[in-house]
Amino acid sequence: MSNVAYKSNLEPNRVHREAEQPKKQILRRGQMTLGEKLIITIALAIVLVVAFRIISVQAQIYTVNQEIQTKETKILEQQKSNEDLKVEVKDLGRYERILKIAKEKGLKLDGDNVKVVDGQ
């Protein structure tokens, strides 16, 4: 056998390798970290709670305003009714009307027996 065709295992394999350079991390700006996701989630939850509260308060204010308007309408109707009754009391309390009804009932006007009362 010839020495040329035979390789010995004693000799180390020498393969030319390039020196490994550390890999550079490529930062992807499109991805969010867990902390950022948590902060955004909490912020959205707070915004939703505040929005719900604002809408709730506005609904309560609307309801109260409707009740106030209803009460004011009832008050105006009652005031009108009171004014109508006052006019009717003045009309029914006229001296001429009372004198006419008294004469119809057979009463006589005696000037010495009349007392004047101020209606307050």
N, C-alpha and C. Protein backbone atom coordinates (compact mmCIF):
# COMPACT_ATOMS: atom_id res chain seq x y z
N MET A 1 0.81 -1.16 0.00
CA MET A 1 0.00 0.00 0.00
C MET A 1 0.86 1.24 0.00
N SER A 2 0.32 2.17 -0.61
CA SER A 2 1.15 3.35 -0.69
C SER A 2 0.72 4.36 0.38
N ASN A 3 1.63 5.15 0.72
CA ASN A 3 1.39 6.14 1.77
C ASN A 3 0.55 7.32 1.29
N VAL A 4 0.43 7.48 0.06
CA VAL A 4 -0.24 8.66 -0.48
C VAL A 4 -1.76 8.51 -0.30
N ALA A 5 -2.29 7.34 -0.47
CA ALA A 5 -3.72 7.17 -0.42
C ALA A 5 -4.25 7.04 1.00
N TYR A 6 -3.41 6.83 1.92
CA TYR A 6 -3.82 6.60 3.29
C TYR A 6 -3.65 7.86 4.11
N LYS A 7 -4.72 8.24 4.82
CA LYS A 7 -4.66 9.42 5.69
C LYS A 7 -4.67 8.92 7.10
N SER A 8 -3.96 9.54 7.87
CA SER A 8 -3.85 9.13 9.25
C SER A 8 -4.83 9.93 10.09
N ASN A 9 -5.42 9.30 11.09
CA ASN A 9 -6.33 9.98 12.00
C ASN A 9 -5.57 10.78 13.04
N LEU A 10 -4.31 10.64 13.07
CA LEU A 10 -3.50 11.36 14.03
C LEU A 10 -3.40 12.84 13.69
N GLU A 11 -3.50 13.11 12.47
CA GLU A 11 -3.37 14.49 12.04
C GLU A 11 -4.75 15.16 12.17
N PRO A 12 -4.83 16.27 12.85
CA PRO A 12 -6.14 16.91 13.02
C PRO A 12 -6.65 17.47 11.70
N ASN A 13 -7.94 17.41 11.60
CA ASN A 13 -8.58 17.99 10.41
C ASN A 13 -8.50 19.50 10.51
N ARG A 14 -7.96 20.07 9.52
CA ARG A 14 -7.83 21.52 9.52
C ARG A 14 -8.78 22.08 8.46
N VAL A 15 -9.83 22.60 8.98
CA VAL A 15 -10.81 23.20 8.08
C VAL A 15 -10.79 24.69 8.37
N HIS A 16 -10.78 25.44 7.31
CA HIS A 16 -10.72 26.89 7.48
C HIS A 16 -12.12 27.40 7.85
N ARG A 17 -12.23 27.90 9.04
CA ARG A 17 -13.48 28.48 9.50
C ARG A 17 -13.26 29.96 9.77
N GLU A 18 -14.31 30.71 9.43
CA GLU A 18 -14.24 32.13 9.75
C GLU A 18 -14.61 32.31 11.21
N ALA A 19 -14.04 33.28 11.83
CA ALA A 19 -14.32 33.54 13.24
C ALA A 19 -15.79 33.96 13.36
N GLU A 20 -16.49 33.30 14.27
CA GLU A 20 -17.90 33.60 14.44
C GLU A 20 -18.06 34.96 15.10
N GLN A 21 -18.80 35.78 14.46
CA GLN A 21 -19.08 37.10 15.00
C GLN A 21 -20.40 37.01 15.77
N PRO A 22 -20.50 37.76 16.87
CA PRO A 22 -21.76 37.71 17.61
C PRO A 22 -22.89 38.25 16.72
N LYS A 23 -24.06 37.57 16.80
CA LYS A 23 -25.19 37.98 15.98
C LYS A 23 -25.81 39.25 16.56
N LYS A 24 -26.10 40.14 15.69
CA LYS A 24 -26.73 41.38 16.10
C LYS A 24 -28.23 41.13 16.23
N GLN A 25 -28.79 41.63 17.34
CA GLN A 25 -30.23 41.50 17.50
C GLN A 25 -30.93 42.57 16.67
N ILE A 26 -31.89 42.13 15.94
CA ILE A 26 -32.64 43.05 15.12
C ILE A 26 -33.89 43.43 15.91
N LEU A 27 -34.01 44.68 16.24
CA LEU A 27 -35.17 45.16 16.99
C LEU A 27 -36.30 45.42 16.01
N ARG A 28 -37.42 44.82 16.30
CA ARG A 28 -38.59 45.04 15.49
C ARG A 28 -39.48 46.04 16.22
N ARG A 29 -39.72 47.12 15.61
CA ARG A 29 -40.49 48.17 16.27
C ARG A 29 -41.99 47.90 16.22
N GLY A 30 -42.43 46.99 15.47
CA GLY A 30 -43.84 46.68 15.36
C GLY A 30 -44.36 45.86 16.52
N GLN A 31 -43.49 45.20 17.23
CA GLN A 31 -43.93 44.36 18.33
C GLN A 31 -43.91 45.15 19.63
N MET A 32 -44.90 44.83 20.49
CA MET A 32 -44.99 45.49 21.79
C MET A 32 -44.59 44.50 22.87
N THR A 33 -44.01 45.03 23.90
CA THR A 33 -43.64 44.17 25.01
C THR A 33 -44.87 43.92 25.88
N LEU A 34 -44.75 42.96 26.78
CA LEU A 34 -45.86 42.63 27.67
C LEU A 34 -46.23 43.82 28.55
N GLY A 35 -45.25 44.55 29.01
CA GLY A 35 -45.51 45.74 29.84
C GLY A 35 -46.30 46.79 29.09
N GLU A 36 -45.92 47.02 27.81
CA GLU A 36 -46.66 48.00 27.02
C GLU A 36 -48.10 47.56 26.80
N LYS A 37 -48.30 46.27 26.53
CA LYS A 37 -49.65 45.75 26.35
C LYS A 37 -50.46 45.92 27.63
N LEU A 38 -49.84 45.67 28.77
CA LEU A 38 -50.52 45.80 30.05
C LEU A 38 -50.91 47.25 30.31
N ILE A 39 -50.00 48.17 30.04
CA ILE A 39 -50.28 49.59 30.25
C ILE A 39 -51.42 50.05 29.34
N ILE A 40 -51.39 49.63 28.07
CA ILE A 40 -52.45 50.02 27.14
C ILE A 40 -53.79 49.44 27.57
N THR A 41 -53.78 48.19 28.01
CA THR A 41 -55.02 47.56 28.47
C THR A 41 -55.59 48.28 29.68
N ILE A 42 -54.75 48.61 30.63
CA ILE A 42 -55.21 49.33 31.83
C ILE A 42 -55.74 50.71 31.44
N ALA A 43 -55.04 51.40 30.54
CA ALA A 43 -55.48 52.73 30.11
C ALA A 43 -56.83 52.65 29.41
N LEU A 44 -57.01 51.66 28.55
CA LEU A 44 -58.30 51.50 27.88
C LEU A 44 -59.42 51.18 28.87
N ALA A 45 -59.11 50.34 29.85
CA ALA A 45 -60.11 50.01 30.87
C ALA A 45 -60.52 51.26 31.64
N ILE A 46 -59.55 52.08 32.00
CA ILE A 46 -59.85 53.32 32.73
C ILE A 46 -60.70 54.25 31.86
N VAL A 47 -60.34 54.38 30.59
CA VAL A 47 -61.10 55.25 29.69
C VAL A 47 -62.54 54.74 29.56
N LEU A 48 -62.71 53.43 29.43
CA LEU A 48 -64.07 52.88 29.32
C LEU A 48 -64.88 53.10 30.59
N VAL A 49 -64.25 52.93 31.75
CA VAL A 49 -64.96 53.14 33.02
C VAL A 49 -65.37 54.60 33.16
N VAL A 50 -64.45 55.51 32.83
CA VAL A 50 -64.76 56.94 32.93
C VAL A 50 -65.87 57.32 31.95
N ALA A 51 -65.80 56.79 30.73
CA ALA A 51 -66.84 57.08 29.73
C ALA A 51 -68.20 56.56 30.20
N PHE A 52 -68.22 55.35 30.74
CA PHE A 52 -69.47 54.79 31.24
C PHE A 52 -70.02 55.63 32.38
N ARG A 53 -69.16 56.09 33.27
CA ARG A 53 -69.58 56.90 34.40
C ARG A 53 -70.16 58.24 33.92
N ILE A 54 -69.51 58.85 32.94
CA ILE A 54 -69.98 60.13 32.41
C ILE A 54 -71.36 59.95 31.78
N ILE A 55 -71.52 58.89 31.01
CA ILE A 55 -72.82 58.63 30.38
C ILE A 55 -73.89 58.37 31.44
N SER A 56 -73.52 57.64 32.48
CA SER A 56 -74.46 57.35 33.56
C SER A 56 -74.90 58.62 34.27
N VAL A 57 -73.96 59.48 34.56
CA VAL A 57 -74.28 60.75 35.24
C VAL A 57 -75.15 61.63 34.34
N GLN A 58 -74.83 61.68 33.05
CA GLN A 58 -75.64 62.47 32.13
C GLN A 58 -77.07 61.94 32.05
N ALA A 59 -77.23 60.62 32.08
CA ALA A 59 -78.56 60.03 32.06
C ALA A 59 -79.34 60.42 33.32
N GLN A 60 -78.66 60.41 34.47
CA GLN A 60 -79.32 60.80 35.71
C GLN A 60 -79.72 62.28 35.66
N ILE A 61 -78.85 63.11 35.14
CA ILE A 61 -79.15 64.54 35.02
C ILE A 61 -80.35 64.74 34.11
N TYR A 62 -80.40 64.01 33.00
CA TYR A 62 -81.53 64.11 32.07
C TYR A 62 -82.84 63.73 32.76
N THR A 63 -82.80 62.65 33.54
CA THR A 63 -83.99 62.20 34.26
C THR A 63 -84.45 63.24 35.27
N VAL A 64 -83.52 63.79 36.01
CA VAL A 64 -83.86 64.82 37.01
C VAL A 64 -84.43 66.06 36.32
N ASN A 65 -83.84 66.46 35.19
CA ASN A 65 -84.36 67.62 34.47
C ASN A 65 -85.79 67.38 33.98
N GLN A 66 -86.06 66.16 33.53
CA GLN A 66 -87.43 65.85 33.10
C GLN A 66 -88.39 65.95 34.28
N GLU A 67 -88.00 65.43 35.43
CA GLU A 67 -88.85 65.52 36.62
C GLU A 67 -89.07 66.97 37.02
N ILE A 68 -88.04 67.78 36.95
CA ILE A 68 -88.15 69.21 37.29
C ILE A 68 -89.14 69.89 36.35
N GLN A 69 -89.03 69.61 35.06
CA GLN A 69 -89.94 70.23 34.10
C GLN A 69 -91.38 69.79 34.35
N THR A 70 -91.56 68.53 34.70
CA THR A 70 -92.91 68.04 35.00
C THR A 70 -93.47 68.76 36.22
N LYS A 71 -92.66 68.89 37.26
CA LYS A 71 -93.11 69.58 38.47
C LYS A 71 -93.42 71.04 38.17
N GLU A 72 -92.56 71.70 37.38
CA GLU A 72 -92.81 73.10 37.06
C GLU A 72 -94.12 73.26 36.28
N THR A 73 -94.42 72.33 35.39
CA THR A 73 -95.67 72.38 34.65
C THR A 73 -96.85 72.24 35.59
N LYS A 74 -96.75 71.30 36.53
CA LYS A 74 -97.83 71.12 37.51
C LYS A 74 -97.99 72.37 38.37
N ILE A 75 -96.88 72.98 38.76
CA ILE A 75 -96.93 74.20 39.57
C ILE A 75 -97.63 75.32 38.80
N LEU A 76 -97.28 75.48 37.52
CA LEU A 76 -97.92 76.53 36.71
C LEU A 76 -99.42 76.28 36.56
N GLU A 77 -99.81 75.02 36.37
CA GLU A 77 -101.23 74.70 36.27
C GLU A 77 -101.95 75.00 37.58
N GLN A 78 -101.32 74.68 38.71
CA GLN A 78 -101.94 74.94 40.01
C GLN A 78 -102.04 76.43 40.27
N GLN A 79 -101.00 77.20 39.87
CA GLN A 79 -101.06 78.65 40.05
C GLN A 79 -102.19 79.25 39.22
N LYS A 80 -102.36 78.75 38.00
CA LYS A 80 -103.45 79.25 37.16
C LYS A 80 -104.80 78.90 37.79
N SER A 81 -104.91 77.69 38.30
CA SER A 81 -106.14 77.28 38.97
C SER A 81 -106.41 78.16 40.19
N ASN A 82 -105.37 78.45 40.97
CA ASN A 82 -105.51 79.31 42.16
C ASN A 82 -105.96 80.71 41.76
N GLU A 83 -105.39 81.26 40.70
CA GLU A 83 -105.79 82.59 40.25
C GLU A 83 -107.25 82.59 39.80
N ASP A 84 -107.65 81.54 39.10
CA ASP A 84 -109.06 81.44 38.67
C ASP A 84 -109.99 81.37 39.88
N LEU A 85 -109.59 80.64 40.90
CA LEU A 85 -110.41 80.53 42.11
C LEU A 85 -110.47 81.86 42.87
N LYS A 86 -109.37 82.60 42.88
CA LYS A 86 -109.37 83.91 43.54
C LYS A 86 -110.33 84.85 42.83
N VAL A 87 -110.32 84.82 41.49
CA VAL A 87 -111.24 85.67 40.73
C VAL A 87 -112.68 85.26 41.03
N GLU A 88 -112.92 83.96 41.12
CA GLU A 88 -114.27 83.47 41.42
C GLU A 88 -114.70 83.88 42.82
N VAL A 89 -113.78 83.84 43.80
CA VAL A 89 -114.10 84.26 45.17
C VAL A 89 -114.46 85.74 45.18
N LYS A 90 -113.70 86.56 44.45
CA LYS A 90 -114.01 87.99 44.40
C LYS A 90 -115.37 88.22 43.75
N ASP A 91 -115.65 87.42 42.71
CA ASP A 91 -116.93 87.58 42.02
C ASP A 91 -118.08 87.15 42.93
N LEU A 92 -117.92 86.03 43.62
CA LEU A 92 -118.99 85.56 44.50
C LEU A 92 -119.12 86.41 45.76
N GLY A 93 -118.10 87.13 46.15
CA GLY A 93 -118.13 87.93 47.37
C GLY A 93 -118.54 89.37 47.15
N ARG A 94 -119.00 89.72 45.95
CA ARG A 94 -119.44 91.09 45.69
C ARG A 94 -120.66 91.43 46.55
N TYR A 95 -120.69 92.68 47.00
CA TYR A 95 -121.76 93.15 47.89
C TYR A 95 -123.12 93.06 47.20
N GLU A 96 -123.18 93.44 45.96
CA GLU A 96 -124.46 93.45 45.25
C GLU A 96 -125.03 92.04 45.13
N ARG A 97 -124.18 91.07 44.86
CA ARG A 97 -124.63 89.68 44.73
C ARG A 97 -125.14 89.16 46.07
N ILE A 98 -124.39 89.44 47.14
CA ILE A 98 -124.81 88.98 48.46
C ILE A 98 -126.14 89.63 48.86
N LEU A 99 -126.29 90.91 48.59
CA LEU A 99 -127.52 91.62 48.90
C LEU A 99 -128.70 91.05 48.10
N LYS A 100 -128.47 90.73 46.84
CA LYS A 100 -129.52 90.16 46.00
C LYS A 100 -129.97 88.80 46.53
N ILE A 101 -129.01 87.96 46.89
CA ILE A 101 -129.36 86.63 47.42
C ILE A 101 -130.08 86.76 48.76
N ALA A 102 -129.65 87.71 49.60
CA ALA A 102 -130.29 87.92 50.90
C ALA A 102 -131.74 88.37 50.72
N LYS A 103 -132.01 89.25 49.76
CA LYS A 103 -133.39 89.69 49.51
C LYS A 103 -134.23 88.55 48.97
N GLU A 104 -133.60 87.68 48.13
CA GLU A 104 -134.35 86.53 47.61
C GLU A 104 -134.74 85.57 48.72
N LYS A 105 -133.91 85.49 49.75
CA LYS A 105 -134.18 84.57 50.86
C LYS A 105 -135.11 85.21 51.91
N GLY A 106 -135.44 86.48 51.72
CA GLY A 106 -136.37 87.14 52.63
C GLY A 106 -135.70 87.90 53.76
N LEU A 107 -134.42 88.15 53.67
CA LEU A 107 -133.73 88.92 54.70
C LEU A 107 -133.85 90.40 54.41
N LYS A 108 -133.82 91.20 55.50
CA LYS A 108 -133.91 92.64 55.37
C LYS A 108 -132.61 93.26 55.83
N LEU A 109 -132.24 94.36 55.18
CA LEU A 109 -131.02 95.06 55.52
C LEU A 109 -131.32 96.06 56.63
N ASP A 110 -130.69 95.84 57.81
CA ASP A 110 -130.85 96.75 58.94
C ASP A 110 -129.50 97.42 59.16
N GLY A 111 -129.40 98.70 58.93
CA GLY A 111 -128.15 99.44 59.01
C GLY A 111 -127.53 99.41 60.39
N ASP A 112 -128.36 99.29 61.47
CA ASP A 112 -127.81 99.27 62.82
C ASP A 112 -127.19 97.92 63.16
N ASN A 113 -127.59 96.88 62.46
CA ASN A 113 -127.16 95.51 62.78
C ASN A 113 -126.03 95.03 61.86
N VAL A 114 -125.51 95.89 61.00
CA VAL A 114 -124.47 95.48 60.01
C VAL A 114 -123.10 95.75 60.59
N LYS A 115 -122.22 94.73 60.51
CA LYS A 115 -120.83 94.88 60.93
C LYS A 115 -119.94 94.71 59.70
N VAL A 116 -118.99 95.58 59.57
CA VAL A 116 -118.05 95.50 58.41
C VAL A 116 -116.82 94.72 58.85
N VAL A 117 -116.51 93.70 58.04
CA VAL A 117 -115.33 92.88 58.34
C VAL A 117 -114.38 92.99 57.18
N ASP A 118 -113.14 93.31 57.44
CA ASP A 118 -112.13 93.39 56.38
C ASP A 118 -111.70 91.97 56.02
N GLY A 119 -111.85 91.61 54.79
CA GLY A 119 -111.41 90.28 54.34
C GLY A 119 -109.93 90.31 53.98
N GLN A 120 -109.15 89.63 54.78
CA GLN A 120 -107.70 89.63 54.52
C GLN A 120 -107.24 88.27 54.11
